[in-house]
Amino acid sequence: MSLVIEAQGLRKEFTVRVKAGRLRRERRRVIAVDGIDLRVERGELLGYIGPNGAGKSTTLKMLTGVLTPSAGQVRVCGLRPVPQRTRLALGIGVVFGQRSQLWWDLPLRDSFDLLRHVYRVPAAEHAARLRRCRGLLDLDGFLDIPVRQLSLGQRMRGELTAALLHGPRVLFLDEPTIGLDVVSKQAVRGFLAELGRAGDTTLVLTTHDLADIERLCRRLVVIDHGRVVHDGTIAELHRRYGSRRLVVAELDAALVTPPALPGAPLERVEADGRRLVYALDSAGVAEVVAGLAGLATLRDISILEPDIEDVVARLYRTPIHSD
C-alpha cells in the first residue's frame, strides 16, 4: 500500500488579540495543532475526531493547502499542500459542510458538467464516474433541479458526487451527515462504505456523529488540545478506556444471591432480581451463559455492545500525559 498522507510534527499557531482591560487589547498566541504525526495509507478509512476546538478543521486545512503550517512537515499524494496546491487539487476531493462547490442557480447536472471542464476530466471518465454516483446516490430524480431548490440531503449527495468526478486519491469529509434526515444519512453512509470497499480512495472523515465512525472507519484518530490522544481501532479504544460488552440474562425467577462469575463481574441487578447484567472482562459470552445455566432457568440472553460515544466522552475527560 502506498502512503498518501504523511505529517510529522505538524503544528499551527495563531496570534489573536484579546481584551486586557477596558481600553486595551494584547496579543496572545494560540496553539491550534501541537505536533501531530500522521501516516495514512491508500484505501484507508480514517475517522479523525475530537471535541470542538481540538484542532480537527485546522489539521484538514493544512492537509488541503488552505493553511500554512507553523512548523513540521506534511505531504499529501507526495505533494507539499501549500506550495503545490494547484497540483494537489487534482488529487484530492473535499466536502466541507459550510462550503459548496456547486453553482447555486444552476441545475445539478450543469454543475457537474462545469466541474468536468474545471478539472479537465476526459468526457468518458466523467460519464463513467457520474453514472456510478447516480446509481449509488440515487441522483436521477433531481439532476435537473437548481441547487438552491434542493433539500439538504439532496445537496449533500450532489456535493459528494462533485468531489469525486475528477477521480481523487483522497477524499476529505467534514461533517458529511450533519443535519440530514435518517434516509439521507443511510444513503450517504452506504455510498461511503461502498467507496471504501473499492479500496481506490482514501477517506478522512471528521464528524461529531459517532455512528458514522462506527459504521465506516477501520481506524480512529482522536485529538484533543491539538494533540493525538488515540490512534488505532475502535476496539482498541474500548479496551484502553475500560469499555466492555455486557451480557444481559433474563431469568424465570429471581435468585436470592446472584452468582459471581470468573472474568465477568456483575454490573447490576434489575427487574426485581430477574435481570442480571454482567460485564465481559476476560470471560466470553459462552462461559457466562454456561455459568448461569447451571444455577437458574434462562428466559433470554442478549449482548449489549459498548457505546463509542461514552468511551470518547471518557477519553476527553482523561488528562493528557506526555510519553
Protein backbone atom coordinates (compact mmCIF):
# COMPACT_ATOMS: atom_id res chain seq x y z
CA MET A 1 0.00 0.00 0.00
CA SER A 2 1.31 3.48 -0.85
CA LEU A 3 1.44 6.31 1.64
CA VAL A 4 -0.91 9.15 0.66
CA ILE A 5 -0.72 11.36 3.77
CA GLU A 6 2.38 11.90 5.86
CA ALA A 7 2.64 14.56 8.56
CA GLN A 8 5.45 14.88 11.09
CA GLY A 9 5.49 17.39 13.94
CA LEU A 10 2.64 19.30 12.31
CA ARG A 11 1.94 22.50 14.23
CA LYS A 12 -0.21 25.58 13.74
CA GLU A 13 -0.16 28.71 15.86
CA PHE A 14 -2.38 31.76 15.59
CA THR A 15 -1.90 35.20 17.09
CA VAL A 16 -5.12 36.69 18.40
CA ARG A 17 -5.95 39.98 20.08
CA VAL A 18 -7.78 39.62 23.38
CA LYS A 19 -9.25 42.18 25.73
CA ALA A 20 -6.86 43.08 28.57
CA GLY A 21 -8.75 45.91 30.19
CA ARG A 22 -11.43 48.43 29.39
CA LEU A 23 -9.48 50.08 26.58
CA ARG A 24 -6.53 47.81 25.96
CA ARG A 25 -6.00 44.67 23.93
CA GLU A 26 -2.99 42.42 23.90
CA ARG A 27 -1.66 39.80 21.52
CA ARG A 28 -1.85 36.18 22.59
CA ARG A 29 -0.51 33.06 20.91
CA VAL A 30 -2.98 30.21 20.45
CA ILE A 31 -1.73 26.74 19.54
CA ALA A 32 -4.42 25.02 17.47
CA VAL A 33 -2.39 21.97 16.39
CA ASP A 34 0.51 20.89 18.57
CA GLY A 35 2.93 18.48 16.91
CA ILE A 36 0.74 15.91 15.16
CA ASP A 37 2.29 12.86 13.49
CA LEU A 38 0.04 11.11 10.99
CA ARG A 39 0.57 8.47 8.31
CA VAL A 40 -2.34 7.31 6.15
CA GLU A 41 -2.12 4.57 3.53
CA ARG A 42 -4.01 4.34 0.27
CA GLY A 43 -7.54 2.98 0.72
CA GLU A 44 -7.75 3.63 4.47
CA LEU A 45 -10.99 4.84 6.06
CA LEU A 46 -9.80 7.16 8.80
CA GLY A 47 -12.03 8.73 11.41
CA TYR A 48 -10.48 11.96 12.72
CA ILE A 49 -12.43 13.21 15.73
CA GLY A 50 -12.18 15.45 18.75
CA PRO A 51 -14.18 17.98 20.77
CA ASN A 52 -14.87 21.47 19.46
CA GLY A 53 -11.63 23.45 19.32
CA ALA A 54 -9.44 20.32 19.34
CA GLY A 55 -7.79 21.20 16.02
CA LYS A 56 -9.64 18.93 13.57
CA SER A 57 -10.59 21.56 11.00
CA THR A 58 -7.19 23.27 11.30
CA THR A 59 -5.48 19.97 10.53
CA LEU A 60 -7.67 19.38 7.47
CA LYS A 61 -6.98 22.89 6.22
CA MET A 62 -3.24 22.28 6.44
CA LEU A 63 -3.58 18.91 4.67
CA THR A 64 -5.57 20.50 1.83
CA GLY A 65 -3.32 23.55 1.42
CA VAL A 66 -5.69 26.15 2.84
CA LEU A 67 -3.42 26.96 5.80
CA THR A 68 0.36 27.05 6.01
CA PRO A 69 1.79 25.06 8.95
CA SER A 70 3.77 26.98 11.57
CA ALA A 71 6.14 24.03 11.90
CA GLY A 72 6.54 20.44 10.83
CA GLN A 73 6.45 18.58 7.55
CA VAL A 74 3.42 17.44 5.56
CA ARG A 75 2.90 15.71 2.23
CA VAL A 76 -0.37 14.65 0.63
CA CYS A 77 -0.24 12.49 -2.50
CA GLY A 78 3.50 13.13 -2.50
CA LEU A 79 2.99 16.91 -2.72
CA ARG A 80 3.50 19.80 -0.30
CA PRO A 81 -0.04 21.16 0.13
CA VAL A 82 0.61 24.92 0.10
CA PRO A 83 3.41 25.36 -2.48
CA GLN A 84 1.87 22.74 -4.77
CA ARG A 85 -1.77 23.49 -4.05
CA THR A 86 -2.89 23.59 -7.70
CA ARG A 87 -1.44 20.16 -8.45
CA LEU A 88 -2.78 18.81 -5.17
CA ALA A 89 -6.32 19.91 -6.05
CA LEU A 90 -6.31 17.35 -8.86
CA GLY A 91 -5.58 14.53 -6.42
CA ILE A 92 -7.97 15.33 -3.57
CA GLY A 93 -11.70 15.84 -3.09
CA VAL A 94 -13.13 17.98 -0.30
CA VAL A 95 -16.62 18.10 1.20
CA PHE A 96 -16.89 20.76 3.89
CA GLY A 97 -20.35 21.32 5.33
CA GLN A 98 -20.07 25.13 5.29
CA ARG A 99 -18.76 25.45 1.72
CA SER A 100 -20.21 24.32 -1.58
CA GLN A 101 -18.57 23.62 -4.93
CA LEU A 102 -21.92 23.60 -6.73
CA TRP A 103 -23.35 26.56 -8.65
CA TRP A 104 -26.34 27.77 -6.65
CA ASP A 105 -28.60 28.85 -9.52
CA LEU A 106 -27.73 26.08 -11.99
CA PRO A 107 -29.27 22.63 -12.25
CA LEU A 108 -27.16 19.98 -10.56
CA ARG A 109 -26.34 18.38 -13.91
CA ASP A 110 -24.80 21.65 -15.17
CA SER A 111 -22.62 21.96 -12.06
CA PHE A 112 -21.23 18.50 -12.74
CA ASP A 113 -20.53 19.40 -16.37
CA LEU A 114 -18.73 22.62 -15.39
CA LEU A 115 -16.57 20.72 -12.91
CA ARG A 116 -15.52 18.37 -15.71
CA HIS A 117 -14.05 21.37 -17.53
CA VAL A 118 -12.52 22.87 -14.37
CA TYR A 119 -10.61 19.65 -13.69
CA ARG A 120 -10.13 18.84 -17.39
CA VAL A 121 -11.54 15.34 -17.00
CA PRO A 122 -11.94 13.33 -20.22
CA ALA A 123 -15.61 13.02 -21.16
CA ALA A 124 -15.65 9.21 -20.99
CA GLU A 125 -14.11 9.13 -17.48
CA HIS A 126 -16.50 11.82 -16.27
CA ALA A 127 -19.52 9.97 -17.67
CA ALA A 128 -18.47 6.68 -16.05
CA ARG A 129 -17.95 8.24 -12.61
CA LEU A 130 -21.18 10.20 -12.82
CA ARG A 131 -23.07 7.06 -13.84
CA ARG A 132 -21.74 5.23 -10.79
CA CYS A 133 -22.67 8.09 -8.43
CA ARG A 134 -26.12 8.40 -9.98
CA GLY A 135 -26.77 4.75 -9.21
CA LEU A 136 -25.32 4.65 -5.69
CA LEU A 137 -26.68 8.02 -4.55
CA ASP A 138 -29.97 7.95 -6.47
CA LEU A 139 -29.41 11.32 -8.17
CA ASP A 140 -31.65 10.98 -11.22
CA GLY A 141 -34.73 12.43 -9.54
CA PHE A 142 -33.15 15.86 -9.03
CA LEU A 143 -30.35 16.25 -11.60
CA ASP A 144 -32.28 18.95 -13.45
CA ILE A 145 -33.30 20.94 -10.35
CA PRO A 146 -31.35 24.13 -9.45
CA VAL A 147 -29.07 23.58 -6.46
CA ARG A 148 -30.80 26.29 -4.42
CA GLN A 149 -34.06 24.27 -4.57
CA LEU A 150 -32.55 21.00 -3.35
CA SER A 151 -33.09 19.64 0.13
CA LEU A 152 -30.06 19.40 2.42
CA GLY A 153 -29.83 15.66 1.84
CA GLN A 154 -30.03 16.03 -1.95
CA ARG A 155 -27.41 18.77 -1.92
CA MET A 156 -25.03 16.68 0.19
CA ARG A 157 -25.34 13.83 -2.29
CA GLY A 158 -24.55 16.33 -5.02
CA GLU A 159 -21.51 17.61 -3.09
CA LEU A 160 -20.16 14.07 -2.70
CA THR A 161 -20.55 13.46 -6.41
CA ALA A 162 -18.88 16.76 -7.29
CA ALA A 163 -15.90 15.89 -5.08
CA LEU A 164 -15.37 12.54 -6.82
CA LEU A 165 -15.87 13.31 -10.52
CA HIS A 166 -12.18 14.02 -11.12
CA GLY A 167 -11.10 10.73 -9.51
CA PRO A 168 -9.28 11.97 -6.37
CA ARG A 169 -6.92 9.71 -4.43
CA VAL A 170 -8.01 11.23 -1.09
CA LEU A 171 -11.46 12.45 -0.06
CA PHE A 172 -11.66 14.78 2.96
CA LEU A 173 -15.09 14.90 4.60
CA ASP A 174 -16.07 17.39 7.30
CA GLU A 175 -19.43 16.52 8.93
CA PRO A 176 -20.97 14.97 5.78
CA THR A 177 -24.17 13.82 7.53
CA ILE A 178 -24.82 16.82 9.78
CA GLY A 179 -28.46 17.90 9.68
CA LEU A 180 -29.53 15.06 7.38
CA ASP A 181 -32.68 13.00 7.90
CA VAL A 182 -32.44 9.26 8.54
CA VAL A 183 -32.96 8.26 4.90
CA SER A 184 -30.33 10.70 3.61
CA LYS A 185 -27.85 9.59 6.28
CA GLN A 186 -28.29 5.99 5.25
CA ALA A 187 -27.74 6.89 1.59
CA VAL A 188 -24.55 8.84 2.34
CA ARG A 189 -23.16 6.19 4.69
CA GLY A 190 -23.95 3.41 2.24
CA PHE A 191 -22.22 5.28 -0.56
CA LEU A 192 -19.09 5.99 1.52
CA ALA A 193 -18.96 2.37 2.68
CA GLU A 194 -19.11 1.20 -0.95
CA LEU A 195 -16.39 3.70 -1.87
CA GLY A 196 -14.24 2.38 0.97
CA ARG A 197 -14.73 -1.24 -0.06
CA ALA A 198 -13.45 -0.45 -3.55
CA GLY A 199 -10.11 0.49 -1.94
CA ASP A 200 -9.08 3.11 -4.51
CA THR A 201 -9.94 6.23 -2.50
CA THR A 202 -8.63 7.14 0.94
CA LEU A 203 -11.31 8.67 3.17
CA VAL A 204 -10.56 11.09 6.01
CA LEU A 205 -13.74 11.77 7.97
CA THR A 206 -14.29 14.33 10.72
CA THR A 207 -17.66 14.22 12.44
CA HIS A 208 -19.49 14.54 15.74
CA ASP A 209 -21.85 11.75 14.68
CA LEU A 210 -20.07 8.72 16.10
CA ALA A 211 -22.44 6.38 14.28
CA ASP A 212 -20.65 7.47 11.09
CA ILE A 213 -17.32 6.44 12.62
CA GLU A 214 -18.59 3.07 13.86
CA ARG A 215 -20.12 2.13 10.51
CA LEU A 216 -17.42 3.45 8.19
CA CYS A 217 -13.97 3.71 9.75
CA ARG A 218 -11.49 0.95 10.47
CA ARG A 219 -9.06 3.35 12.13
CA LEU A 220 -9.77 6.15 14.57
CA VAL A 221 -7.54 9.10 15.44
CA VAL A 222 -8.73 11.19 18.38
CA ILE A 223 -7.19 14.59 19.06
CA ASP A 224 -7.63 16.94 21.99
CA HIS A 225 -5.92 20.31 22.55
CA GLY A 226 -4.18 19.87 19.22
CA ARG A 227 -2.50 16.57 20.13
CA VAL A 228 -3.21 12.95 19.21
CA VAL A 229 -4.55 11.06 22.24
CA HIS A 230 -5.55 7.85 20.43
CA ASP A 231 -4.56 6.28 17.12
CA GLY A 232 -5.87 2.79 16.47
CA THR A 233 -9.01 0.74 16.01
CA ILE A 234 -12.31 1.37 17.77
CA ALA A 235 -11.86 -1.96 19.59
CA GLU A 236 -8.51 -0.74 20.93
CA LEU A 237 -10.18 2.47 22.10
CA HIS A 238 -12.74 0.44 24.05
CA ARG A 239 -10.03 -1.68 25.67
CA ARG A 240 -7.84 1.28 26.52
CA TYR A 241 -10.58 3.22 28.27
CA GLY A 242 -12.27 0.35 30.05
CA SER A 243 -15.30 -0.13 27.84
CA ARG A 244 -16.76 -3.64 27.94
CA ARG A 245 -19.51 -5.64 26.30
CA LEU A 246 -22.40 -6.53 28.58
CA VAL A 247 -24.35 -9.79 28.84
CA VAL A 248 -27.97 -9.32 29.93
CA ALA A 249 -29.55 -12.50 31.32
CA GLU A 250 -33.33 -12.68 31.76
CA LEU A 251 -34.30 -15.30 34.39
CA ASP A 252 -37.58 -17.08 35.01
CA ALA A 253 -37.24 -16.42 38.72
CA ALA A 254 -35.03 -14.17 40.82
CA LEU A 255 -32.02 -15.65 42.60
CA VAL A 256 -31.53 -14.93 46.28
CA THR A 257 -27.83 -14.33 45.67
CA PRO A 258 -26.78 -13.57 42.07
CA PRO A 259 -23.70 -15.67 41.27
CA ALA A 260 -20.21 -14.26 40.89
CA LEU A 261 -18.70 -15.42 37.60
CA PRO A 262 -14.94 -15.53 36.90
CA GLY A 263 -13.90 -12.93 34.36
CA ALA A 264 -17.38 -11.36 34.26
CA PRO A 265 -18.19 -9.04 37.18
CA LEU A 266 -21.84 -8.39 37.98
CA GLU A 267 -22.66 -4.84 36.91
CA ARG A 268 -26.22 -4.53 38.18
CA VAL A 269 -29.43 -6.35 39.06
CA GLU A 270 -32.73 -5.19 37.54
CA ALA A 271 -36.41 -6.16 37.31
CA ASP A 272 -36.66 -7.34 40.93
CA GLY A 273 -33.71 -9.68 40.52
CA ARG A 274 -34.91 -11.35 37.32
CA ARG A 275 -32.47 -9.48 35.07
CA LEU A 276 -28.71 -9.78 35.67
CA VAL A 277 -26.17 -7.69 33.79
CA TYR A 278 -22.58 -8.94 33.60
CA ALA A 279 -19.56 -7.18 32.07
CA LEU A 280 -17.19 -9.22 29.94
CA ASP A 281 -13.61 -8.82 31.13
CA SER A 282 -11.66 -11.98 30.38
CA ALA A 283 -14.67 -14.31 30.12
CA GLY A 284 -16.54 -14.99 26.90
CA VAL A 285 -20.29 -15.00 26.31
CA ALA A 286 -20.43 -18.81 26.24
CA GLU A 287 -18.71 -19.03 29.65
CA VAL A 288 -21.21 -16.59 31.20
CA VAL A 289 -24.17 -18.46 29.73
CA ALA A 290 -22.80 -21.81 30.92
CA GLY A 291 -22.19 -20.44 34.41
CA LEU A 292 -25.72 -19.09 34.70
CA ALA A 293 -27.45 -22.09 33.10
CA GLY A 294 -26.30 -24.35 35.91
CA LEU A 295 -27.88 -22.09 38.54
CA ALA A 296 -31.11 -20.74 37.01
CA THR A 297 -33.57 -21.15 34.17
CA LEU A 298 -32.69 -18.63 31.48
CA ARG A 299 -35.53 -16.95 29.60
CA ASP A 300 -33.37 -14.84 27.31
CA ILE A 301 -29.78 -13.70 26.74
CA SER A 302 -28.74 -10.52 24.94
CA ILE A 303 -25.43 -8.79 24.27
CA LEU A 304 -25.01 -5.03 24.62
CA GLU A 305 -22.14 -3.63 22.58
CA PRO A 306 -20.14 -0.77 24.15
CA ASP A 307 -21.23 2.73 23.19
CA ILE A 308 -18.38 4.56 21.48
CA GLU A 309 -19.91 7.90 22.47
CA ASP A 310 -19.46 7.07 26.15
CA VAL A 311 -15.91 5.88 25.53
CA VAL A 312 -14.90 9.05 23.70
CA ALA A 313 -16.52 11.21 26.40
CA ARG A 314 -14.44 9.32 28.98
CA LEU A 315 -11.32 9.85 26.87
CA TYR A 316 -11.92 13.60 26.69
CA ARG A 317 -12.14 13.71 30.49
CA THR A 318 -8.81 11.90 30.89
CA PRO A 319 -5.80 14.20 31.42
CA ILE A 320 -3.23 14.12 28.62
CA HIS A 321 0.11 12.69 29.69
CA SER A 322 3.31 13.07 27.74
CA ASP A 323 5.06 9.83 26.79
